Amino acid sequence: MTTGPQDDPTTTFAANTPKLYAMFKAKGAKDGDKIRGVLIAEDVGDAAPANTKVLEETLDVKGYSAGRDFSGDFNFSKPTKGWPVGKYRVEIYVNDGLATTAKFTIKAAKKKSGGEEEEEEESGD
C-alpha cells in the first residue's frame, strides 16, 4: 500500500489522502488471467458495517506468455467526504484464488491553523 506508484510503502494513511495504491507483482501470470483488487472496510465505526466491500477493480492480463511477472496497481480514489477513519484491507485475487491481503489504517487528518486539513506525518512504522 502506498500513496503513489513511486512512493514508499506504508500501513497508515490520512483521511484526506487523494488516492490509495495497492501495488502488486503476479509471478508467472499468463495471457487471459484476471487479477482483481477488492477494498474492504474492516472496521470504520458507524460509517459502514464491518467487512463492507467498498470498491473492486479487475485487470485482464493480455499479451503475456506463461511464466512472466505481471506488475501493476489498483488505485482507489478518496470519497467526497474523505476516507472514514478505521481499519481496511485490500484482497488481491488471481483468477478466483486469493493471492494476498494487505491491511492498513486510515487516521484523521491533522488540522492546520485556519481550519484546513493536512496529511498526518508518518511515524517510522
N, C-alpha and C. Protein backbone atom coordinates (compact mmCIF):
# COMPACT_ATOMS: atom_id res chain seq x y z
N MET A 1 0.84 -1.17 0.00
CA MET A 1 0.00 0.00 0.00
C MET A 1 0.89 1.23 0.00
N THR A 2 0.48 2.23 -0.78
CA THR A 2 1.27 3.44 -0.91
C THR A 2 0.37 4.59 -1.38
N THR A 3 0.90 5.81 -1.36
CA THR A 3 0.14 6.97 -1.83
C THR A 3 0.39 7.26 -3.31
N GLY A 4 1.28 6.50 -3.94
CA GLY A 4 1.56 6.68 -5.36
C GLY A 4 2.54 5.63 -5.83
N PRO A 5 2.55 5.33 -7.13
CA PRO A 5 3.41 4.27 -7.66
C PRO A 5 4.90 4.41 -7.33
N GLN A 6 5.39 5.64 -7.15
CA GLN A 6 6.81 5.84 -6.85
C GLN A 6 7.06 6.05 -5.36
N ASP A 7 6.01 6.04 -4.54
CA ASP A 7 6.14 6.33 -3.11
C ASP A 7 6.48 5.09 -2.30
N ASP A 8 6.99 5.32 -1.10
CA ASP A 8 7.34 4.22 -0.20
C ASP A 8 6.08 3.55 0.35
N PRO A 9 6.15 2.25 0.61
CA PRO A 9 5.01 1.55 1.21
C PRO A 9 4.73 2.07 2.62
N THR A 10 3.46 2.01 3.01
CA THR A 10 3.07 2.40 4.36
C THR A 10 1.82 1.62 4.77
N THR A 11 1.52 1.65 6.04
CA THR A 11 0.31 0.98 6.53
C THR A 11 -0.65 1.98 7.18
N THR A 12 -0.31 3.28 7.14
CA THR A 12 -1.16 4.30 7.74
C THR A 12 -1.31 5.47 6.77
N PHE A 13 -2.55 5.89 6.58
CA PHE A 13 -2.86 7.00 5.67
C PHE A 13 -3.76 8.00 6.38
N ALA A 14 -3.70 9.26 5.95
CA ALA A 14 -4.60 10.30 6.46
C ALA A 14 -5.94 10.19 5.74
N ALA A 15 -7.00 10.62 6.40
CA ALA A 15 -8.35 10.56 5.84
C ALA A 15 -8.50 11.39 4.57
N ASN A 16 -7.60 12.35 4.35
CA ASN A 16 -7.69 13.19 3.15
C ASN A 16 -6.72 12.76 2.05
N THR A 17 -6.14 11.57 2.15
CA THR A 17 -5.25 11.07 1.10
C THR A 17 -6.05 10.92 -0.20
N PRO A 18 -5.61 11.58 -1.29
CA PRO A 18 -6.40 11.58 -2.53
C PRO A 18 -6.61 10.19 -3.14
N LYS A 19 -5.55 9.37 -3.16
CA LYS A 19 -5.66 8.03 -3.73
C LYS A 19 -4.82 7.06 -2.93
N LEU A 20 -5.31 5.85 -2.83
CA LEU A 20 -4.56 4.75 -2.21
C LEU A 20 -4.19 3.78 -3.32
N TYR A 21 -2.95 3.30 -3.29
CA TYR A 21 -2.47 2.38 -4.31
C TYR A 21 -2.08 1.05 -3.67
N ALA A 22 -2.58 -0.03 -4.22
CA ALA A 22 -2.15 -1.38 -3.84
C ALA A 22 -1.29 -1.89 -4.98
N MET A 23 0.02 -1.90 -4.77
CA MET A 23 0.97 -2.34 -5.80
C MET A 23 1.11 -3.86 -5.72
N PHE A 24 1.28 -4.52 -6.87
CA PHE A 24 1.44 -5.97 -6.85
C PHE A 24 2.34 -6.43 -7.99
N LYS A 25 2.84 -7.65 -7.83
CA LYS A 25 3.57 -8.35 -8.88
C LYS A 25 3.05 -9.79 -8.87
N ALA A 26 2.48 -10.19 -9.99
CA ALA A 26 1.96 -11.56 -10.13
C ALA A 26 3.01 -12.39 -10.85
N LYS A 27 3.62 -13.31 -10.14
CA LYS A 27 4.65 -14.16 -10.74
C LYS A 27 4.00 -15.25 -11.58
N GLY A 28 4.51 -15.41 -12.78
CA GLY A 28 4.01 -16.47 -13.65
C GLY A 28 2.64 -16.19 -14.26
N ALA A 29 2.27 -14.92 -14.35
CA ALA A 29 0.99 -14.57 -14.96
C ALA A 29 1.01 -14.95 -16.44
N LYS A 30 -0.17 -15.25 -16.96
CA LYS A 30 -0.25 -15.61 -18.38
C LYS A 30 -1.46 -14.93 -19.03
N ASP A 31 -1.40 -14.86 -20.33
CA ASP A 31 -2.47 -14.26 -21.11
C ASP A 31 -3.81 -14.85 -20.69
N GLY A 32 -4.78 -13.98 -20.41
CA GLY A 32 -6.12 -14.43 -20.03
C GLY A 32 -6.37 -14.44 -18.53
N ASP A 33 -5.31 -14.35 -17.72
CA ASP A 33 -5.52 -14.29 -16.27
C ASP A 33 -6.26 -13.01 -15.91
N LYS A 34 -7.02 -13.08 -14.84
CA LYS A 34 -7.70 -11.90 -14.31
C LYS A 34 -7.19 -11.65 -12.91
N ILE A 35 -6.77 -10.40 -12.65
CA ILE A 35 -6.27 -10.02 -11.33
C ILE A 35 -7.25 -8.99 -10.78
N ARG A 36 -7.79 -9.30 -9.60
CA ARG A 36 -8.85 -8.48 -9.01
C ARG A 36 -8.41 -7.92 -7.67
N GLY A 37 -8.64 -6.63 -7.48
CA GLY A 37 -8.36 -5.97 -6.21
C GLY A 37 -9.67 -5.56 -5.56
N VAL A 38 -9.84 -5.91 -4.27
CA VAL A 38 -11.06 -5.60 -3.54
C VAL A 38 -10.69 -4.82 -2.29
N LEU A 39 -11.22 -3.61 -2.15
CA LEU A 39 -11.01 -2.79 -0.97
C LEU A 39 -12.14 -3.06 0.01
N ILE A 40 -11.79 -3.44 1.24
CA ILE A 40 -12.77 -3.80 2.25
C ILE A 40 -12.55 -2.95 3.49
N ALA A 41 -13.63 -2.33 3.98
CA ALA A 41 -13.60 -1.59 5.24
C ALA A 41 -13.87 -2.59 6.36
N GLU A 42 -12.81 -2.96 7.09
CA GLU A 42 -12.96 -3.96 8.16
C GLU A 42 -13.71 -3.39 9.35
N ASP A 43 -13.29 -2.20 9.80
CA ASP A 43 -13.89 -1.58 10.98
C ASP A 43 -13.77 -0.07 10.85
N VAL A 44 -14.86 0.58 10.43
CA VAL A 44 -14.89 2.03 10.28
C VAL A 44 -16.00 2.64 11.12
N GLY A 45 -16.28 2.02 12.25
CA GLY A 45 -17.30 2.55 13.16
C GLY A 45 -18.67 2.58 12.52
N ASP A 46 -19.36 3.71 12.68
CA ASP A 46 -20.72 3.85 12.16
C ASP A 46 -20.77 4.15 10.67
N ALA A 47 -19.61 4.36 10.03
CA ALA A 47 -19.59 4.71 8.61
C ALA A 47 -20.08 3.57 7.72
N ALA A 48 -19.87 2.33 8.16
CA ALA A 48 -20.30 1.16 7.37
C ALA A 48 -20.24 -0.07 8.27
N PRO A 49 -21.04 -1.09 7.95
CA PRO A 49 -20.94 -2.34 8.72
C PRO A 49 -19.55 -2.97 8.56
N ALA A 50 -19.15 -3.77 9.53
CA ALA A 50 -17.85 -4.44 9.49
C ALA A 50 -17.71 -5.26 8.21
N ASN A 51 -16.51 -5.24 7.64
CA ASN A 51 -16.16 -6.02 6.46
C ASN A 51 -17.01 -5.69 5.22
N THR A 52 -17.27 -4.40 5.03
CA THR A 52 -18.03 -3.94 3.86
C THR A 52 -17.09 -3.80 2.66
N LYS A 53 -17.48 -4.40 1.53
CA LYS A 53 -16.73 -4.21 0.29
C LYS A 53 -17.00 -2.79 -0.20
N VAL A 54 -15.93 -2.00 -0.35
CA VAL A 54 -16.05 -0.60 -0.72
C VAL A 54 -15.91 -0.42 -2.22
N LEU A 55 -14.83 -0.96 -2.78
CA LEU A 55 -14.53 -0.83 -4.21
C LEU A 55 -13.92 -2.12 -4.72
N GLU A 56 -14.08 -2.36 -6.01
CA GLU A 56 -13.49 -3.54 -6.63
C GLU A 56 -13.08 -3.18 -8.05
N GLU A 57 -11.94 -3.72 -8.48
CA GLU A 57 -11.43 -3.46 -9.82
C GLU A 57 -10.77 -4.73 -10.33
N THR A 58 -10.93 -5.02 -11.62
CA THR A 58 -10.33 -6.21 -12.22
C THR A 58 -9.45 -5.79 -13.40
N LEU A 59 -8.25 -6.37 -13.47
CA LEU A 59 -7.34 -6.16 -14.59
C LEU A 59 -7.22 -7.46 -15.37
N ASP A 60 -7.23 -7.35 -16.69
CA ASP A 60 -7.04 -8.51 -17.55
C ASP A 60 -5.59 -8.56 -18.00
N VAL A 61 -4.98 -9.71 -17.85
CA VAL A 61 -3.61 -9.91 -18.32
C VAL A 61 -3.70 -10.24 -19.81
N LYS A 62 -3.07 -9.40 -20.64
CA LYS A 62 -3.12 -9.60 -22.09
C LYS A 62 -1.71 -9.58 -22.65
N GLY A 63 -1.43 -10.48 -23.56
CA GLY A 63 -0.16 -10.48 -24.26
C GLY A 63 1.02 -11.01 -23.45
N TYR A 64 0.75 -11.76 -22.39
CA TYR A 64 1.82 -12.30 -21.56
C TYR A 64 1.92 -13.80 -21.78
N SER A 65 3.14 -14.26 -22.06
CA SER A 65 3.33 -15.70 -22.16
C SER A 65 3.53 -16.25 -20.75
N ALA A 66 3.18 -17.48 -20.55
CA ALA A 66 3.27 -18.10 -19.22
C ALA A 66 4.66 -17.95 -18.64
N GLY A 67 4.72 -17.70 -17.34
CA GLY A 67 5.99 -17.65 -16.65
C GLY A 67 6.56 -16.26 -16.43
N ARG A 68 6.00 -15.25 -17.07
CA ARG A 68 6.49 -13.88 -16.88
C ARG A 68 5.79 -13.23 -15.69
N ASP A 69 6.46 -12.25 -15.08
CA ASP A 69 5.86 -11.50 -13.99
C ASP A 69 5.01 -10.37 -14.57
N PHE A 70 3.88 -10.12 -13.94
CA PHE A 70 2.97 -9.05 -14.35
C PHE A 70 2.84 -8.09 -13.17
N SER A 71 3.31 -6.85 -13.34
CA SER A 71 3.25 -5.86 -12.27
C SER A 71 2.16 -4.85 -12.57
N GLY A 72 1.58 -4.32 -11.50
CA GLY A 72 0.55 -3.30 -11.67
C GLY A 72 0.11 -2.75 -10.34
N ASP A 73 -1.00 -2.04 -10.39
CA ASP A 73 -1.56 -1.50 -9.15
C ASP A 73 -3.07 -1.36 -9.29
N PHE A 74 -3.70 -1.36 -8.14
CA PHE A 74 -5.10 -0.97 -8.04
C PHE A 74 -5.08 0.35 -7.28
N ASN A 75 -5.79 1.35 -7.80
CA ASN A 75 -5.84 2.61 -7.06
C ASN A 75 -7.28 2.95 -6.76
N PHE A 76 -7.47 3.48 -5.57
CA PHE A 76 -8.79 3.77 -5.06
C PHE A 76 -8.85 5.24 -4.68
N SER A 77 -9.77 6.00 -5.28
CA SER A 77 -9.88 7.43 -5.04
C SER A 77 -10.66 7.74 -3.78
N LYS A 78 -10.26 8.82 -3.12
CA LYS A 78 -10.88 9.27 -1.88
C LYS A 78 -12.35 9.59 -2.11
N PRO A 79 -13.21 9.11 -1.20
CA PRO A 79 -14.62 9.51 -1.28
C PRO A 79 -14.76 11.03 -1.07
N THR A 80 -15.85 11.60 -1.52
CA THR A 80 -16.08 13.04 -1.44
C THR A 80 -15.85 13.58 -0.03
N LYS A 81 -16.31 12.87 0.99
CA LYS A 81 -16.18 13.35 2.37
C LYS A 81 -14.91 12.83 3.05
N GLY A 82 -14.00 12.24 2.28
CA GLY A 82 -12.78 11.70 2.86
C GLY A 82 -12.95 10.24 3.24
N TRP A 83 -11.84 9.59 3.49
CA TRP A 83 -11.87 8.19 3.90
C TRP A 83 -12.37 8.10 5.34
N PRO A 84 -13.34 7.25 5.62
CA PRO A 84 -13.73 7.05 7.01
C PRO A 84 -12.54 6.49 7.81
N VAL A 85 -12.36 7.01 9.00
CA VAL A 85 -11.27 6.56 9.86
C VAL A 85 -11.53 5.12 10.28
N GLY A 86 -10.47 4.29 10.26
CA GLY A 86 -10.63 2.91 10.71
C GLY A 86 -9.65 1.97 10.05
N LYS A 87 -9.99 0.68 10.10
CA LYS A 87 -9.13 -0.38 9.59
C LYS A 87 -9.70 -0.92 8.28
N TYR A 88 -8.78 -1.15 7.33
CA TYR A 88 -9.13 -1.61 5.99
C TYR A 88 -8.21 -2.75 5.57
N ARG A 89 -8.61 -3.42 4.48
CA ARG A 89 -7.71 -4.37 3.82
C ARG A 89 -8.02 -4.37 2.33
N VAL A 90 -6.98 -4.72 1.57
CA VAL A 90 -7.15 -4.95 0.14
C VAL A 90 -6.83 -6.42 -0.09
N GLU A 91 -7.75 -7.11 -0.73
CA GLU A 91 -7.53 -8.50 -1.12
C GLU A 91 -7.24 -8.52 -2.61
N ILE A 92 -6.19 -9.24 -3.00
CA ILE A 92 -5.84 -9.37 -4.41
C ILE A 92 -5.99 -10.83 -4.81
N TYR A 93 -6.79 -11.03 -5.83
CA TYR A 93 -7.09 -12.36 -6.34
C TYR A 93 -6.47 -12.54 -7.72
N VAL A 94 -5.94 -13.73 -8.00
CA VAL A 94 -5.53 -14.10 -9.34
C VAL A 94 -6.53 -15.15 -9.78
N ASN A 95 -7.25 -14.83 -10.87
CA ASN A 95 -8.41 -15.60 -11.28
C ASN A 95 -9.35 -15.63 -10.08
N ASP A 96 -9.73 -16.76 -9.54
CA ASP A 96 -10.64 -16.75 -8.40
C ASP A 96 -9.96 -17.08 -7.09
N GLY A 97 -8.63 -17.21 -7.09
CA GLY A 97 -7.90 -17.58 -5.88
C GLY A 97 -7.31 -16.37 -5.17
N LEU A 98 -7.50 -16.27 -3.86
CA LEU A 98 -6.91 -15.18 -3.08
C LEU A 98 -5.40 -15.33 -3.08
N ALA A 99 -4.69 -14.31 -3.58
CA ALA A 99 -3.23 -14.36 -3.67
C ALA A 99 -2.57 -13.68 -2.47
N THR A 100 -3.12 -12.55 -2.01
CA THR A 100 -2.52 -11.83 -0.89
C THR A 100 -3.53 -10.85 -0.31
N THR A 101 -3.24 -10.42 0.91
CA THR A 101 -4.05 -9.42 1.60
C THR A 101 -3.11 -8.38 2.20
N ALA A 102 -3.46 -7.11 2.05
CA ALA A 102 -2.68 -6.02 2.66
C ALA A 102 -3.62 -5.24 3.59
N LYS A 103 -3.23 -5.12 4.86
CA LYS A 103 -4.04 -4.39 5.84
C LYS A 103 -3.43 -3.02 6.07
N PHE A 104 -4.31 -2.03 6.30
CA PHE A 104 -3.84 -0.67 6.58
C PHE A 104 -4.89 0.07 7.39
N THR A 105 -4.48 1.25 7.89
CA THR A 105 -5.33 2.07 8.76
C THR A 105 -5.45 3.47 8.18
N ILE A 106 -6.65 4.05 8.30
CA ILE A 106 -6.89 5.45 7.96
C ILE A 106 -7.04 6.20 9.28
N LYS A 107 -6.27 7.27 9.43
CA LYS A 107 -6.35 8.11 10.63
C LYS A 107 -6.87 9.48 10.25
N ALA A 108 -7.42 10.18 11.23
CA ALA A 108 -7.93 11.53 10.99
C ALA A 108 -6.77 12.44 10.56
N ALA A 109 -7.06 13.33 9.62
CA ALA A 109 -6.06 14.30 9.19
C ALA A 109 -5.89 15.34 10.28
N LYS A 110 -4.66 15.81 10.46
CA LYS A 110 -4.40 16.88 11.43
C LYS A 110 -5.00 18.18 10.93
N LYS A 111 -5.40 19.03 11.83
CA LYS A 111 -5.92 20.35 11.47
C LYS A 111 -4.80 21.37 11.48
N LYS A 112 -4.71 22.16 10.41
CA LYS A 112 -3.76 23.28 10.37
C LYS A 112 -4.42 24.45 11.07
N SER A 113 -3.64 25.44 11.45
CA SER A 113 -4.25 26.66 11.95
C SER A 113 -5.02 27.28 10.79
N GLY A 114 -6.22 27.71 11.04
CA GLY A 114 -7.07 28.24 9.97
C GLY A 114 -8.12 27.23 9.53
N GLY A 115 -8.12 26.04 10.14
CA GLY A 115 -9.16 25.06 9.89
C GLY A 115 -8.93 24.12 8.72
N GLU A 116 -7.84 24.31 7.94
CA GLU A 116 -7.58 23.40 6.83
C GLU A 116 -6.98 22.10 7.36
N GLU A 117 -7.20 21.02 6.60
CA GLU A 117 -6.62 19.74 6.98
C GLU A 117 -5.30 19.55 6.28
N GLU A 118 -4.39 18.84 6.93
CA GLU A 118 -3.13 18.46 6.29
C GLU A 118 -2.93 16.98 6.56
N GLU A 119 -2.11 16.35 5.71
CA GLU A 119 -1.85 14.93 5.93
C GLU A 119 -1.05 14.74 7.19
N GLU A 120 -1.39 13.67 7.90
CA GLU A 120 -0.69 13.37 9.14
C GLU A 120 0.71 12.87 8.82
N GLU A 121 1.68 13.34 9.57
CA GLU A 121 3.06 12.89 9.37
C GLU A 121 3.16 11.41 9.70
N GLU A 122 3.93 10.70 8.93
CA GLU A 122 4.11 9.25 9.15
C GLU A 122 5.14 9.03 10.22
N SER A 123 4.79 8.22 11.21
CA SER A 123 5.79 7.83 12.20
C SER A 123 6.55 6.65 11.64
N GLY A 124 7.76 6.44 12.01
CA GLY A 124 8.64 5.45 11.40
C GLY A 124 8.19 4.02 11.50
N ASP A 125 6.96 3.69 11.05
CA ASP A 125 6.47 2.30 11.05
C ASP A 125 7.24 1.45 10.09
